[in-house]
C-alpha cells in the first residue's frame, strides 16, 4: 500500500500528523501486538466482556473463553 502525500485536513500540521500516523501504523500494530502489556490489557478486557456478556457461571470457563477470544483477535492497522 502506498501512503498518500496529502490527506484532507484543516491545516498543514494536522496533515503532517495524519501522514506520520499512516506511515507508522503497521509498525505500531506490530509493536503493540508483541508487547506483554497489550496481552495483559486484552486479557482483562476479554475477561470483563465474557463476565458481562456471556452467562457462564464457571470462573475457569469464563477465563478459558476470554483466552480463546484473544487467540482469535489480531491487531492490525486499519
C-alpha atoms as a PDB file:
ATOM      1  CA  UNK A   1       0.000   0.000   0.000  1.00  0.00           C
ATOM      2  CA  UNK A   2       1.282   3.458  -0.804  1.00  0.00           C
ATOM      3  CA  UNK A   3       0.941   6.274   1.671  1.00  0.00           C
ATOM      4  CA  UNK A   4      -0.882   9.322   0.316  1.00  0.00           C
ATOM      5  CA  UNK A   5       1.067  12.559   0.158  1.00  0.00           C
ATOM      6  CA  UNK A   6      -1.848  14.611   1.447  1.00  0.00           C
ATOM      7  CA  UNK A   7      -4.911  13.883   3.498  1.00  0.00           C
ATOM      8  CA  UNK A   8      -7.674  16.499   3.520  1.00  0.00           C
ATOM      9  CA  UNK A   9      -7.406  18.472   6.771  1.00  0.00           C
ATOM     10  CA  UNK A  10      -7.996  21.928   8.116  1.00  0.00           C
ATOM     11  CA  UNK A  11      -4.304  22.826   8.395  1.00  0.00           C
ATOM     12  CA  UNK A  12      -0.834  21.612   7.357  1.00  0.00           C
ATOM     13  CA  UNK A  13       0.116  20.479  10.879  1.00  0.00           C
ATOM     14  CA  UNK A  14      -2.848  18.090  11.054  1.00  0.00           C
ATOM     15  CA  UNK A  15      -1.928  16.799   7.610  1.00  0.00           C
ATOM     16  CA  UNK A  16       1.643  16.105   8.762  1.00  0.00           C
ATOM     17  CA  UNK A  17       0.395  14.288  11.887  1.00  0.00           C
ATOM     18  CA  UNK A  18      -2.005  12.137   9.846  1.00  0.00           C
ATOM     19  CA  UNK A  19       0.712  11.287   7.322  1.00  0.00           C
ATOM     20  CA  UNK A  20       3.142  10.294  10.082  1.00  0.00           C
ATOM     21  CA  UNK A  21       0.478   8.131  11.731  1.00  0.00           C
ATOM     22  CA  UNK A  22      -0.381   6.476   8.416  1.00  0.00           C
ATOM     23  CA  UNK A  23       3.286   5.774   7.766  1.00  0.00           C
ATOM     24  CA  UNK A  24       3.919   4.209  11.179  1.00  0.00           C
ATOM     25  CA  UNK A  25       0.564   2.440  11.712  1.00  0.00           C
ATOM     26  CA  UNK A  26       1.768  -1.011  10.708  1.00  0.00           C
ATOM     27  CA  UNK A  27       4.956  -0.724  12.749  1.00  0.00           C
ATOM     28  CA  UNK A  28       2.924   0.359  15.786  1.00  0.00           C
ATOM     29  CA  UNK A  29       0.487  -2.552  15.315  1.00  0.00           C
ATOM     30  CA  UNK A  30       3.444  -4.965  15.319  1.00  0.00           C
ATOM     31  CA  UNK A  31       4.915  -3.258  18.387  1.00  0.00           C
ATOM     32  CA  UNK A  32       1.610  -3.364  20.288  1.00  0.00           C
ATOM     33  CA  UNK A  33       0.865  -6.963  19.310  1.00  0.00           C
ATOM     34  CA  UNK A  34       4.268  -8.084  20.604  1.00  0.00           C
ATOM     35  CA  UNK A  35       4.076  -6.175  23.885  1.00  0.00           C
ATOM     36  CA  UNK A  36       3.217  -8.140  27.046  1.00  0.00           C
ATOM     37  CA  UNK A  37       1.247  -5.176  28.412  1.00  0.00           C
ATOM     38  CA  UNK A  38      -1.052  -5.357  25.384  1.00  0.00           C
ATOM     39  CA  UNK A  39      -1.682  -9.043  26.082  1.00  0.00           C
ATOM     40  CA  UNK A  40      -2.496  -8.285  29.726  1.00  0.00           C
ATOM     41  CA  UNK A  41      -4.838  -5.450  28.745  1.00  0.00           C
ATOM     42  CA  UNK A  42      -6.563  -7.582  26.114  1.00  0.00           C
ATOM     43  CA  UNK A  43      -6.984 -10.406  28.635  1.00  0.00           C
ATOM     44  CA  UNK A  44      -8.517  -8.027  31.180  1.00  0.00           C
ATOM     45  CA  UNK A  45     -10.897  -6.659  28.548  1.00  0.00           C
ATOM     46  CA  UNK A  46     -11.809 -10.096  27.203  1.00  0.00           C
ATOM     47  CA  UNK A  47     -12.497 -11.469  30.699  1.00  0.00           C
ATOM     48  CA  UNK A  48     -14.594  -8.405  31.556  1.00  0.00           C
ATOM     49  CA  UNK A  49     -16.525  -8.827  28.295  1.00  0.00           C
ATOM     50  CA  UNK A  50     -17.201 -12.506  28.982  1.00  0.00           C
ATOM     51  CA  UNK A  51     -18.352 -11.829  32.557  1.00  0.00           C
ATOM     52  CA  UNK A  52     -20.712  -9.059  31.434  1.00  0.00           C
ATOM     53  CA  UNK A  53     -21.996 -10.536  28.172  1.00  0.00           C
ATOM     54  CA  UNK A  54     -21.929 -14.330  28.302  1.00  0.00           C
ATOM     55  CA  UNK A  55     -23.769 -16.261  31.052  1.00  0.00           C
ATOM     56  CA  UNK A  56     -21.031 -18.653  32.152  1.00  0.00           C
ATOM     57  CA  UNK A  57     -21.111 -19.476  35.864  1.00  0.00           C
ATOM     58  CA  UNK A  58     -17.817 -21.395  35.970  1.00  0.00           C
ATOM     59  CA  UNK A  59     -14.928 -18.957  36.557  1.00  0.00           C
ATOM     60  CA  UNK A  60     -12.458 -21.263  34.815  1.00  0.00           C
ATOM     61  CA  UNK A  61     -14.792 -21.449  31.823  1.00  0.00           C
ATOM     62  CA  UNK A  62     -15.008 -17.658  31.689  1.00  0.00           C
ATOM     63  CA  UNK A  63     -11.225 -17.372  31.809  1.00  0.00           C
ATOM     64  CA  UNK A  64     -10.790 -20.026  29.113  1.00  0.00           C
ATOM     65  CA  UNK A  65     -13.335 -18.322  26.850  1.00  0.00           C
ATOM     66  CA  UNK A  66     -11.641 -14.939  27.357  1.00  0.00           C
ATOM     67  CA  UNK A  67      -8.302 -16.508  26.449  1.00  0.00           C
ATOM     68  CA  UNK A  68      -9.816 -18.098  23.337  1.00  0.00           C
ATOM     69  CA  UNK A  69     -11.276 -14.735  22.298  1.00  0.00           C
ATOM     70  CA  UNK A  70      -7.808 -13.230  22.452  1.00  0.00           C
ATOM     71  CA  UNK A  71      -6.410 -16.066  20.355  1.00  0.00           C
ATOM     72  CA  UNK A  72      -8.993 -15.217  17.699  1.00  0.00           C
ATOM     73  CA  UNK A  73      -8.167 -11.497  17.688  1.00  0.00           C
ATOM     74  CA  UNK A  74      -5.493  -9.827  15.602  1.00  0.00           C
ATOM     75  CA  UNK A  75      -4.071  -6.335  15.983  1.00  0.00           C
ATOM     76  CA  UNK A  76      -3.628  -4.714  12.583  1.00  0.00           C
ATOM     77  CA  UNK A  77      -3.586  -1.245  11.139  1.00  0.00           C
ATOM     78  CA  UNK A  78      -6.844  -0.018   9.645  1.00  0.00           C
END
